[in-house]
Amino acid sequence: MVYPADLPYPVPEPHEWADEPEPGVARAFDEAMADVEEGGMVVCQSAEEFDALLAELVAEPHTSPRAS
């Protein structure tokens, strides 16, 4: 087994592997996580449904019925 400390180059931490999301996608994710924390849930049956959901959330700002 090779350990990261034994490699001749730095190995990024797992949280550094992904690029930063686009602002609209980040906003949609934050809103979805807020909904989950409030007890809401969205289930996507396929990658296409998930992509469509993200596109819809990015296109129109999500407003909660409780937001006033």
C-alpha atoms as a PDB file:
ATOM      1  CA  MET A   1       0.000   0.000   0.000  1.00  0.00           C
ATOM      2  CA  VAL A   2       1.245   3.477  -0.848  1.00  0.00           C
ATOM      3  CA  TYR A   3       0.667   6.227   1.679  1.00  0.00           C
ATOM      4  CA  PRO A   4       0.181   9.844   0.538  1.00  0.00           C
ATOM      5  CA  ALA A   5       3.071  10.988   2.747  1.00  0.00           C
ATOM      6  CA  ASP A   6       5.406   8.616   0.823  1.00  0.00           C
ATOM      7  CA  LEU A   7       4.630  10.106  -2.593  1.00  0.00           C
ATOM      8  CA  PRO A   8       7.071  12.606  -4.182  1.00  0.00           C
ATOM      9  CA  TYR A   9       4.223  15.084  -4.804  1.00  0.00           C
ATOM     10  CA  PRO A  10       1.509  16.586  -2.616  1.00  0.00           C
ATOM     11  CA  VAL A  11      -1.837  14.816  -2.560  1.00  0.00           C
ATOM     12  CA  PRO A  12      -4.886  17.078  -2.153  1.00  0.00           C
ATOM     13  CA  GLU A  13      -7.376  16.410   0.583  1.00  0.00           C
ATOM     14  CA  PRO A  14     -10.699  14.936  -0.659  1.00  0.00           C
ATOM     15  CA  HIS A  15     -12.508  18.241  -0.106  1.00  0.00           C
ATOM     16  CA  GLU A  16     -10.053  19.841  -2.558  1.00  0.00           C
ATOM     17  CA  TRP A  17     -10.792  17.402  -5.400  1.00  0.00           C
ATOM     18  CA  ALA A  18     -13.863  19.119  -6.807  1.00  0.00           C
ATOM     19  CA  ASP A  19     -14.007  22.512  -8.470  1.00  0.00           C
ATOM     20  CA  GLU A  20     -16.081  25.256  -6.911  1.00  0.00           C
ATOM     21  CA  PRO A  21     -19.675  25.115  -8.197  1.00  0.00           C
ATOM     22  CA  GLU A  22     -21.140  27.875 -10.326  1.00  0.00           C
ATOM     23  CA  PRO A  23     -22.976  30.511  -8.239  1.00  0.00           C
ATOM     24  CA  GLY A  24     -26.436  29.397  -9.368  1.00  0.00           C
ATOM     25  CA  VAL A  25     -25.725  25.758  -8.605  1.00  0.00           C
ATOM     26  CA  ALA A  26     -24.250  26.680  -5.215  1.00  0.00           C
ATOM     27  CA  ARG A  27     -27.390  28.718  -4.410  1.00  0.00           C
ATOM     28  CA  ALA A  28     -29.654  25.851  -5.475  1.00  0.00           C
ATOM     29  CA  PHE A  29     -27.696  23.431  -3.323  1.00  0.00           C
ATOM     30  CA  ASP A  30     -27.829  25.753  -0.312  1.00  0.00           C
ATOM     31  CA  GLU A  31     -31.590  26.187  -0.723  1.00  0.00           C
ATOM     32  CA  ALA A  32     -32.104  22.444  -1.080  1.00  0.00           C
ATOM     33  CA  MET A  33     -30.077  21.782   2.070  1.00  0.00           C
ATOM     34  CA  ALA A  34     -32.134  24.398   3.948  1.00  0.00           C
ATOM     35  CA  ASP A  35     -35.313  22.627   2.794  1.00  0.00           C
ATOM     36  CA  VAL A  36     -33.947  19.277   3.996  1.00  0.00           C
ATOM     37  CA  GLU A  37     -33.064  20.770   7.376  1.00  0.00           C
ATOM     38  CA  GLU A  38     -36.682  21.999   7.635  1.00  0.00           C
ATOM     39  CA  GLY A  39     -37.954  18.485   6.930  1.00  0.00           C
ATOM     40  CA  GLY A  40     -38.519  18.791   3.177  1.00  0.00           C
ATOM     41  CA  MET A  41     -37.222  16.305   0.658  1.00  0.00           C
ATOM     42  CA  VAL A  42     -36.853  15.993  -3.097  1.00  0.00           C
ATOM     43  CA  VAL A  43     -36.336  12.602  -4.743  1.00  0.00           C
ATOM     44  CA  CYS A  44     -34.966  12.425  -8.279  1.00  0.00           C
ATOM     45  CA  GLN A  45     -35.313   9.081 -10.033  1.00  0.00           C
ATOM     46  CA  SER A  46     -32.568   9.716 -12.602  1.00  0.00           C
ATOM     47  CA  ALA A  47     -29.649  11.948 -13.428  1.00  0.00           C
ATOM     48  CA  GLU A  48     -31.831  13.654 -16.035  1.00  0.00           C
ATOM     49  CA  GLU A  49     -34.457  14.532 -13.418  1.00  0.00           C
ATOM     50  CA  PHE A  50     -31.750  15.881 -11.132  1.00  0.00           C
ATOM     51  CA  ASP A  51     -30.267  17.996 -13.946  1.00  0.00           C
ATOM     52  CA  ALA A  52     -33.736  19.345 -14.766  1.00  0.00           C
ATOM     53  CA  LEU A  53     -34.316  20.183 -11.099  1.00  0.00           C
ATOM     54  CA  LEU A  54     -31.002  22.043 -10.885  1.00  0.00           C
ATOM     55  CA  ALA A  55     -31.758  23.932 -14.095  1.00  0.00           C
ATOM     56  CA  GLU A  56     -35.134  25.001 -12.723  1.00  0.00           C
ATOM     57  CA  LEU A  57     -33.662  26.095  -9.400  1.00  0.00           C
ATOM     58  CA  VAL A  58     -30.896  28.051 -11.106  1.00  0.00           C
ATOM     59  CA  ALA A  59     -33.392  29.763 -13.446  1.00  0.00           C
ATOM     60  CA  GLU A  60     -35.774  31.025 -10.763  1.00  0.00           C
ATOM     61  CA  PRO A  61     -34.871  31.941  -7.201  1.00  0.00           C
ATOM     62  CA  HIS A  62     -36.569  29.604  -4.756  1.00  0.00           C
ATOM     63  CA  THR A  63     -38.798  31.227  -2.186  1.00  0.00           C
ATOM     64  CA  SER A  64     -40.029  29.482   0.891  1.00  0.00           C
ATOM     65  CA  PRO A  65     -43.691  29.971   1.863  1.00  0.00           C
ATOM     66  CA  ARG A  66     -42.418  31.106   5.261  1.00  0.00           C
ATOM     67  CA  ALA A  67     -40.104  33.763   3.795  1.00  0.00           C
ATOM     68  CA  SER A  68     -41.693  37.168   4.042  1.00  0.00           C
END
